[in-house]
Amino acid sequence: MNAYNLILSALKALRKNGFRTFLTMLGIIIGVAAVIVMQSIGAGTEKSVSERISTLGANMIMVVPAAVNTNGVRMSAGASLTLTYPDVTMIKHYSPSVKYLSPMIRSVASVVYQHNNWKTTLTGVAPEYLSIRDFNVAKGIPFTNDDVKKLNKVCLIGRTIQLNLFDTIGSINPIGKTININSVPFTVIGILEPKGQNAYGQDQDDLIIAPYSSVKERMTGSIYLTMIFASSKSADEINSAIDQISYAVRLNHRIPAEGTDDFTITTTAEIASTISGVAKTISVLLACVAAISLLIGGIGIMNIMFVSVTERTREIGTRLAIGATFIDVLMQFLLEAVVLSLAAGIIGIVLGIAISRLITILFQWETIISPTSIVISFLVCTFIGVFFGFYPARKAARLNPIEALRYE
């Protein structure tokens, strides 16, 4: 029997019990669809995380106070006060791989403009902070080092501040207006371009940026910094910059060679790696669940093929009696299993793509369908058909023609 006749025979046999065939295919359909959907969600999540992390700034390095123990309670990183302005000076002197550098003082601020008020974050930094974080001024001008030296009370505001403090339709131009930050008047000189949420879900547009000297002398009065921001000259120099920053701060803090750092250095690359690792782990777990569905589907195919062999014992005996060979019968039943599996796989692929698109449309959750996942799903279906269909096909091919013809 040639391949064409074998395929026709397989399709005819499967069509004879259509509903049973569909139920057998269901496990494969669900498994393949689940694999594609989970992969597309995972890939979309990784892309979204990468894009959000990129808004933090390229080659960014953050120096924060280390975690400390207070009365037996371990506080989180940044809870202590160890960083000072001389640390910034030392980093400038000992870190040739650092391109931009900025101290930061951060505090919660109550902002008032006429009858409107808003609670937000006040960030005191150097002008270089805008370059480190990839902040662009959409309207107005940024403050300068001259503003830092003269302690000028000027500030830049984010889009969220503009909407909540001034108006929602943009009829009021905030540039040149005076706002009271914790009862201290500051002049708005610029509006930052919107950046949206970061990787942690925080609104990056809900902030006010001002010269760190003005915030320190006119508001907080603290000699300590919340953190220090820096960026390397290139991605290749980021490790060198980290080593140089660590050396400079340790030197200024007089930490001995065997001493423990009282600060922590992190980068956007580390943040991206951590979050992407979590996303990949979740994707793998979901893929494992989908793989279990494929396994169950394969067992279903084996079961239905055993039933088919039992039901068609006399047919098999007749074929063997009129000259069909072991290979002919083996290929007939094996091909039925493969066709069953591939048909289920194709339906599962179409269903998986449709569900992925639907998730994007209904939930605004980006999904990325990889051609690789489709090819792998197709190959897996072929393997399942061959693997789980071989034993029932072998059993059919090894039937004794005389006993098969006597079977009732």
Protein backbone atom coordinates (compact mmCIF):
# COMPACT_ATOMS: atom_id res chain seq x y z
CA MET A 1 0.00 0.00 0.00
CA ASN A 2 1.48 3.35 -1.02
CA ALA A 3 1.70 6.44 1.20
CA TYR A 4 -1.30 8.13 -0.44
CA ASN A 5 -3.57 5.15 0.23
CA LEU A 6 -2.24 4.87 3.77
CA ILE A 7 -3.14 8.50 4.48
CA LEU A 8 -6.62 8.09 2.98
CA SER A 9 -7.16 4.96 5.04
CA ALA A 10 -6.01 6.73 8.21
CA LEU A 11 -8.33 9.69 7.60
CA LYS A 12 -11.27 7.38 6.85
CA ALA A 13 -10.71 5.41 10.04
CA LEU A 14 -10.50 8.58 12.14
CA ARG A 15 -13.56 10.10 10.51
CA LYS A 16 -15.59 6.98 11.27
CA ASN A 17 -15.60 7.88 15.00
CA GLY A 18 -15.46 11.67 14.70
CA PHE A 19 -16.54 12.65 18.21
CA ARG A 20 -14.23 10.13 19.86
CA THR A 21 -11.39 11.37 17.65
CA PHE A 22 -12.05 14.97 18.69
CA LEU A 23 -12.05 14.09 22.39
CA THR A 24 -8.73 12.29 21.88
CA MET A 25 -7.29 15.34 20.12
CA LEU A 26 -8.46 17.71 22.85
CA GLY A 27 -5.53 17.05 25.17
CA ILE A 28 -3.02 17.84 22.39
CA ILE A 29 -5.01 20.92 21.31
CA ILE A 30 -5.06 22.34 24.83
CA GLY A 31 -1.41 21.50 25.44
CA VAL A 32 -0.12 23.08 22.23
CA ALA A 33 -2.32 26.17 22.65
CA ALA A 34 -1.14 26.52 26.25
CA VAL A 35 2.54 26.25 25.25
CA ILE A 36 2.17 28.99 22.61
CA VAL A 37 0.14 31.28 24.88
CA MET A 38 2.52 30.87 27.82
CA GLN A 39 5.56 31.45 25.60
CA SER A 40 4.02 34.55 24.03
CA ILE A 41 3.08 35.99 27.43
CA GLY A 42 6.56 35.26 28.79
CA ALA A 43 8.29 36.86 25.81
CA GLY A 44 5.97 39.86 25.97
CA THR A 45 6.60 40.26 29.69
CA GLU A 46 10.37 40.14 29.21
CA LYS A 47 10.19 42.78 26.48
CA SER A 48 7.96 45.00 28.61
CA VAL A 49 10.31 44.66 31.59
CA SER A 50 13.34 45.47 29.41
CA GLU A 51 11.63 48.56 28.01
CA ARG A 52 10.64 49.79 31.45
CA ILE A 53 14.09 49.19 32.86
CA SER A 54 15.60 51.08 29.92
CA THR A 55 13.65 54.14 31.09
CA LEU A 56 15.76 54.13 34.26
CA GLY A 57 18.81 55.10 32.21
CA ALA A 58 21.60 53.48 30.22
CA ASN A 59 24.69 52.20 32.06
CA MET A 60 23.26 53.58 35.31
CA ILE A 61 24.99 52.86 38.62
CA MET A 62 23.39 53.51 42.00
CA VAL A 63 25.26 53.76 45.29
CA VAL A 64 23.02 53.41 48.34
CA PRO A 65 23.72 52.95 52.07
CA ALA A 66 24.04 49.30 53.02
CA ALA A 67 21.56 47.36 55.12
CA VAL A 68 22.22 47.67 58.84
CA ASN A 69 21.16 45.93 62.04
CA THR A 70 19.30 48.12 64.54
CA ASN A 71 18.43 46.58 67.91
CA GLY A 72 18.62 43.14 66.35
CA VAL A 73 16.39 44.12 63.43
CA ARG A 74 17.94 44.08 59.97
CA MET A 75 16.94 47.23 58.10
CA SER A 76 16.69 47.39 54.32
CA ALA A 77 19.36 48.87 52.08
CA GLY A 78 19.13 52.66 52.10
CA ALA A 79 17.67 52.82 55.61
CA SER A 80 20.96 54.02 57.15
CA LEU A 81 22.84 57.28 56.55
CA THR A 82 26.41 56.74 55.37
CA LEU A 83 26.81 58.64 52.09
CA THR A 84 27.98 62.25 52.11
CA TYR A 85 29.00 64.98 49.65
CA PRO A 86 32.74 64.22 50.06
CA ASP A 87 31.96 60.76 48.64
CA VAL A 88 30.89 62.44 45.40
CA THR A 89 34.13 64.43 45.32
CA MET A 90 36.19 61.28 45.84
CA ILE A 91 34.32 59.44 43.09
CA LYS A 92 35.02 62.30 40.68
CA HIS A 93 38.71 62.11 41.51
CA TYR A 94 39.19 58.31 41.44
CA SER A 95 36.71 57.15 38.76
CA PRO A 96 37.87 57.90 35.19
CA SER A 97 35.30 55.42 33.79
CA VAL A 98 32.42 57.47 35.18
CA LYS A 99 30.86 59.84 32.66
CA TYR A 100 28.09 61.46 34.71
CA LEU A 101 27.78 61.76 38.48
CA SER A 102 25.11 63.20 40.75
CA PRO A 103 24.32 63.18 44.45
CA MET A 104 20.69 62.77 45.42
CA ILE A 105 18.58 63.99 48.31
CA ARG A 106 15.05 62.64 48.24
CA SER A 107 12.14 63.55 50.47
CA VAL A 108 8.37 63.56 50.51
CA ALA A 109 6.99 66.99 49.69
CA SER A 110 3.64 68.75 49.91
CA VAL A 111 3.30 71.04 46.89
CA VAL A 112 0.82 73.90 46.64
CA TYR A 113 -0.16 76.12 43.72
CA GLN A 114 -3.03 78.52 44.38
CA HIS A 115 -5.92 76.29 45.53
CA ASN A 116 -4.40 73.01 44.34
CA ASN A 117 -2.10 70.76 46.34
CA TRP A 118 -0.35 67.49 45.75
CA LYS A 119 1.90 65.15 47.72
CA THR A 120 4.87 63.94 45.74
CA THR A 121 8.58 63.18 45.80
CA LEU A 122 11.14 65.99 45.81
CA THR A 123 14.47 64.98 44.30
CA GLY A 124 17.53 67.18 44.81
CA VAL A 125 20.23 66.36 42.23
CA ALA A 126 22.94 67.75 40.00
CA PRO A 127 22.23 68.67 36.35
CA GLU A 128 23.99 65.46 35.26
CA TYR A 129 21.15 63.46 36.80
CA LEU A 130 19.02 64.20 33.75
CA SER A 131 21.61 62.56 31.48
CA ILE A 132 22.05 59.58 33.82
CA ARG A 133 18.31 58.87 33.94
CA ASP A 134 17.64 59.85 30.31
CA PHE A 135 15.24 62.58 31.39
CA ASN A 136 14.44 65.13 28.67
CA VAL A 137 12.90 68.53 29.18
CA ALA A 138 9.78 68.72 26.99
CA LYS A 139 9.14 72.39 27.68
CA GLY A 140 11.30 75.07 29.28
CA ILE A 141 14.95 74.63 30.24
CA PRO A 142 16.90 72.42 32.67
CA PHE A 143 18.71 73.92 35.64
CA THR A 144 22.48 74.33 35.45
CA ASN A 145 25.58 74.06 37.64
CA ASP A 146 25.27 77.82 38.12
CA ASP A 147 21.86 77.23 39.73
CA VAL A 148 23.50 74.67 42.01
CA LYS A 149 26.25 77.10 43.05
CA LYS A 150 23.84 79.97 43.68
CA LEU A 151 21.27 77.78 45.49
CA ASN A 152 18.59 79.01 43.10
CA LYS A 153 15.06 77.92 43.96
CA VAL A 154 14.17 76.49 40.56
CA CYS A 155 12.67 73.13 39.66
CA LEU A 156 11.53 70.76 36.94
CA ILE A 157 8.19 68.99 37.25
CA GLY A 158 6.86 65.72 35.84
CA ARG A 159 3.71 65.30 33.79
CA THR A 160 1.74 63.96 36.79
CA ILE A 161 2.56 67.10 38.79
CA GLN A 162 1.48 69.30 35.90
CA LEU A 163 -1.87 67.53 35.58
CA ASN A 164 -2.67 67.50 39.29
CA LEU A 165 -1.24 70.83 40.38
CA PHE A 166 -2.18 73.03 37.46
CA ASP A 167 -4.91 71.58 35.22
CA THR A 168 -5.80 68.51 33.18
CA ILE A 169 -6.31 70.21 29.82
CA GLY A 170 -3.01 72.08 29.58
CA SER A 171 -4.50 75.59 29.35
CA ILE A 172 -2.18 76.83 32.12
CA ASN A 173 1.50 77.07 31.26
CA PRO A 174 3.46 76.06 34.40
CA ILE A 175 6.72 77.63 33.14
CA GLY A 176 7.57 80.65 35.26
CA LYS A 177 4.93 79.89 37.88
CA THR A 178 5.89 79.75 41.57
CA ILE A 179 4.91 76.68 43.58
CA ASN A 180 5.36 76.16 47.32
CA ILE A 181 7.28 73.00 48.18
CA ASN A 182 6.96 72.37 51.92
CA SER A 183 6.19 76.12 52.21
CA VAL A 184 9.36 77.11 50.31
CA PRO A 185 8.70 78.94 46.99
CA PHE A 186 10.28 77.38 43.88
CA THR A 187 9.98 78.59 40.29
CA VAL A 188 9.05 76.04 37.63
CA ILE A 189 11.53 76.36 34.75
CA GLY A 190 10.82 73.14 32.88
CA ILE A 191 8.44 70.22 32.31
CA LEU A 192 9.92 66.73 31.88
CA GLU A 193 8.95 64.40 29.06
CA PRO A 194 6.66 61.60 30.29
CA LYS A 195 8.40 58.31 31.11
CA GLY A 196 5.46 56.28 32.47
CA GLN A 197 5.85 53.53 35.02
CA ASN A 198 9.16 51.89 35.82
CA ALA A 199 9.82 48.16 36.25
CA TYR A 200 8.43 48.31 39.80
CA GLY A 201 5.16 49.93 38.70
CA GLN A 202 6.07 53.36 40.13
CA ASP A 203 4.99 56.52 38.32
CA GLN A 204 8.20 58.16 37.09
CA ASP A 205 6.33 61.35 36.20
CA ASP A 206 5.18 62.02 39.76
CA LEU A 207 8.26 63.95 40.88
CA ILE A 208 9.89 67.33 41.22
CA ILE A 209 13.60 67.76 40.44
CA ALA A 210 15.58 70.65 41.89
CA PRO A 211 19.27 71.52 42.50
CA TYR A 212 20.56 69.41 45.38
CA SER A 213 22.20 72.45 47.02
CA SER A 214 18.88 74.29 47.16
CA VAL A 215 17.10 71.27 48.65
CA LYS A 216 19.86 70.75 51.21
CA GLU A 217 20.33 74.35 52.37
CA ARG A 218 16.77 75.60 52.12
CA MET A 219 14.80 72.50 53.09
CA THR A 220 16.42 69.41 54.62
CA GLY A 221 19.65 70.76 56.11
CA SER A 222 21.05 67.20 56.14
CA ILE A 223 24.71 66.46 55.42
CA TYR A 224 23.80 62.97 54.23
CA LEU A 225 22.71 61.79 50.79
CA THR A 226 19.90 59.40 49.97
CA MET A 227 22.04 57.87 47.24
CA ILE A 228 24.57 58.64 44.53
CA PHE A 229 23.83 58.19 40.83
CA ALA A 230 26.45 57.64 38.15
CA SER A 231 26.77 56.28 34.65
CA SER A 232 29.77 54.74 32.94
CA LYS A 233 31.23 56.05 29.70
CA SER A 234 30.12 52.86 27.94
CA ALA A 235 28.57 49.48 28.66
CA ASP A 236 32.04 47.90 28.44
CA GLU A 237 33.34 50.16 31.22
CA ILE A 238 30.52 49.63 33.69
CA ASN A 239 32.43 47.02 35.74
CA SER A 240 35.50 49.26 35.84
CA ALA A 241 33.33 52.17 36.98
CA ILE A 242 31.83 50.04 39.75
CA ASP A 243 35.29 49.02 41.00
CA GLN A 244 36.50 52.62 40.91
CA ILE A 245 33.42 53.93 42.74
CA SER A 246 33.77 51.22 45.38
CA TYR A 247 37.44 52.08 45.89
CA ALA A 248 36.70 55.82 46.19
CA VAL A 249 33.88 55.42 48.72
CA ARG A 250 35.79 52.85 50.79
CA LEU A 251 38.77 55.20 50.83
CA ASN A 252 36.66 58.14 51.99
CA HIS A 253 34.92 56.01 54.64
CA ARG A 254 38.30 54.63 55.77
CA ILE A 255 37.14 51.05 55.52
CA PRO A 256 40.06 48.61 56.00
CA ALA A 257 40.86 45.99 53.38
CA GLU A 258 39.06 43.25 55.33
CA GLY A 259 36.20 45.54 56.38
CA THR A 260 32.60 45.29 55.23
CA ASP A 261 31.21 47.97 52.93
CA ASP A 262 28.67 50.34 54.47
CA PHE A 263 27.20 50.94 51.02
CA THR A 264 25.77 48.90 48.16
CA ILE A 265 26.28 49.37 44.42
CA THR A 266 23.64 48.22 41.95
CA THR A 267 23.14 48.69 38.21
CA THR A 268 20.22 48.60 35.81
CA ALA A 269 21.73 45.45 34.31
CA GLU A 270 21.42 43.68 37.68
CA ILE A 271 17.84 44.86 38.07
CA ALA A 272 17.01 43.67 34.55
CA SER A 273 18.67 40.32 35.18
CA THR A 274 16.74 39.77 38.42
CA ILE A 275 13.34 40.67 37.03
CA SER A 276 13.91 38.82 33.75
CA GLY A 277 15.01 35.76 35.75
CA VAL A 278 11.73 35.82 37.68
CA ALA A 279 9.76 36.21 34.44
CA LYS A 280 11.64 33.30 32.84
CA THR A 281 11.08 31.09 35.88
CA ILE A 282 7.34 31.76 35.75
CA SER A 283 7.32 31.07 32.00
CA VAL A 284 9.13 27.76 32.51
CA LEU A 285 6.67 26.69 35.23
CA LEU A 286 3.72 27.55 33.02
CA ALA A 287 5.34 25.70 30.11
CA CYS A 288 5.74 22.63 32.34
CA VAL A 289 2.03 22.72 33.08
CA ALA A 290 1.33 22.91 29.35
CA ALA A 291 3.75 20.02 28.73
CA ILE A 292 1.75 17.89 31.16
CA SER A 293 -1.30 18.53 28.98
CA LEU A 294 0.67 17.30 25.97
CA LEU A 295 1.70 14.17 27.87
CA ILE A 296 -1.91 13.48 28.82
CA GLY A 297 -2.90 14.02 25.20
CA GLY A 298 -0.26 11.51 24.09
CA ILE A 299 -1.55 8.93 26.56
CA GLY A 300 -5.04 9.57 25.19
CA ILE A 301 -3.79 8.84 21.66
CA MET A 302 -2.19 5.58 22.81
CA ASN A 303 -5.39 4.56 24.58
CA ILE A 304 -7.63 5.28 21.60
CA MET A 305 -5.27 3.43 19.26
CA PHE A 306 -5.42 0.35 21.50
CA VAL A 307 -9.23 0.57 21.36
CA SER A 308 -9.05 0.94 17.58
CA VAL A 309 -6.84 -2.14 17.26
CA THR A 310 -9.27 -4.16 19.36
CA GLU A 311 -12.30 -2.97 17.37
CA ARG A 312 -10.63 -3.66 14.00
CA THR A 313 -9.07 -7.02 14.78
CA ARG A 314 -11.03 -8.84 12.06
CA GLU A 315 -10.15 -6.09 9.54
CA ILE A 316 -6.48 -6.48 10.41
CA GLY A 317 -6.76 -10.26 10.04
CA THR A 318 -8.36 -9.88 6.59
CA ARG A 319 -5.59 -7.50 5.44
CA LEU A 320 -2.90 -9.88 6.66
CA ALA A 321 -4.64 -12.85 5.03
CA ILE A 322 -4.73 -11.23 1.57
CA GLY A 323 -1.07 -10.29 1.63
CA ALA A 324 -0.55 -7.20 3.75
CA THR A 325 2.88 -7.22 5.37
CA PHE A 326 3.93 -6.43 8.92
CA ILE A 327 5.21 -3.02 7.70
CA ASP A 328 1.91 -2.25 5.92
CA VAL A 329 -0.19 -2.76 9.05
CA LEU A 330 2.37 -1.04 11.28
CA MET A 331 2.49 2.02 9.03
CA GLN A 332 -1.30 2.16 8.73
CA PHE A 333 -1.90 2.44 12.48
CA LEU A 334 1.22 4.52 13.12
CA LEU A 335 0.11 6.97 10.45
CA GLU A 336 -3.33 7.22 12.06
CA ALA A 337 -1.70 8.23 15.34
CA VAL A 338 0.56 10.78 13.60
CA VAL A 339 -2.32 12.29 11.60
CA LEU A 340 -4.40 12.49 14.78
CA SER A 341 -1.57 14.22 16.63
CA LEU A 342 -0.66 16.63 13.81
CA ALA A 343 -4.29 17.63 13.23
CA ALA A 344 -4.61 18.38 16.95
CA GLY A 345 -1.32 20.27 16.83
CA ILE A 346 -2.41 22.49 13.94
CA ILE A 347 -5.71 23.31 15.67
CA GLY A 348 -3.78 23.99 18.90
CA ILE A 349 -1.36 26.33 17.10
CA VAL A 350 -4.21 28.33 15.55
CA LEU A 351 -6.03 28.44 18.89
CA GLY A 352 -2.86 29.51 20.74
CA ILE A 353 -2.18 32.37 18.30
CA ALA A 354 -5.83 33.49 18.53
CA ILE A 355 -5.82 33.46 22.35
CA SER A 356 -2.51 35.38 22.44
CA ARG A 357 -3.94 38.07 20.17
CA LEU A 358 -7.10 38.18 22.26
CA ILE A 359 -5.09 38.71 25.45
CA THR A 360 -3.32 41.67 23.85
CA ILE A 361 -6.61 43.20 22.68
CA LEU A 362 -8.69 42.63 25.83
CA PHE A 363 -6.08 43.11 28.58
CA GLN A 364 -3.54 45.37 26.83
CA TRP A 365 -0.88 42.81 27.79
CA GLU A 366 1.78 42.59 25.13
CA THR A 367 2.35 39.10 23.76
CA ILE A 368 5.05 38.03 21.32
CA ILE A 369 4.47 34.87 19.30
CA SER A 370 7.74 33.25 18.34
CA PRO A 371 7.95 31.19 15.11
CA THR A 372 10.30 28.92 17.04
CA SER A 373 7.56 27.97 19.51
CA ILE A 374 5.24 27.11 16.60
CA VAL A 375 7.87 24.91 14.91
CA ILE A 376 8.72 23.21 18.22
CA SER A 377 5.02 22.57 18.91
CA PHE A 378 4.63 21.01 15.46
CA LEU A 379 7.68 18.77 15.96
CA VAL A 380 6.50 17.77 19.44
CA CYS A 381 3.13 16.75 18.02
CA THR A 382 4.86 14.60 15.41
CA PHE A 383 6.99 12.97 18.12
CA ILE A 384 3.93 12.33 20.30
CA GLY A 385 2.13 10.67 17.38
CA VAL A 386 5.08 8.38 16.63
CA PHE A 387 6.00 7.66 20.27
CA PHE A 388 2.52 6.95 21.62
CA GLY A 389 1.24 5.36 18.42
CA PHE A 390 4.09 2.92 17.85
CA TYR A 391 3.21 0.32 20.50
CA PRO A 392 -0.49 -0.03 19.50
CA ALA A 393 0.57 -0.15 15.80
CA ARG A 394 3.16 -2.83 16.59
CA LYS A 395 0.54 -4.83 18.45
CA ALA A 396 -1.78 -4.64 15.43
CA ALA A 397 0.97 -5.68 13.00
CA ARG A 398 1.93 -8.71 15.11
CA LEU A 399 -1.57 -10.18 15.24
CA ASN A 400 -1.90 -13.74 14.01
CA PRO A 401 -4.12 -13.65 10.86
CA ILE A 402 -5.98 -16.89 11.79
CA GLU A 403 -6.75 -15.73 15.35
CA ALA A 404 -7.69 -12.27 14.10
CA LEU A 405 -10.21 -13.70 11.64
CA ARG A 406 -11.81 -15.79 14.42
CA TYR A 407 -12.11 -12.71 16.70
CA GLU A 408 -15.71 -11.75 17.56
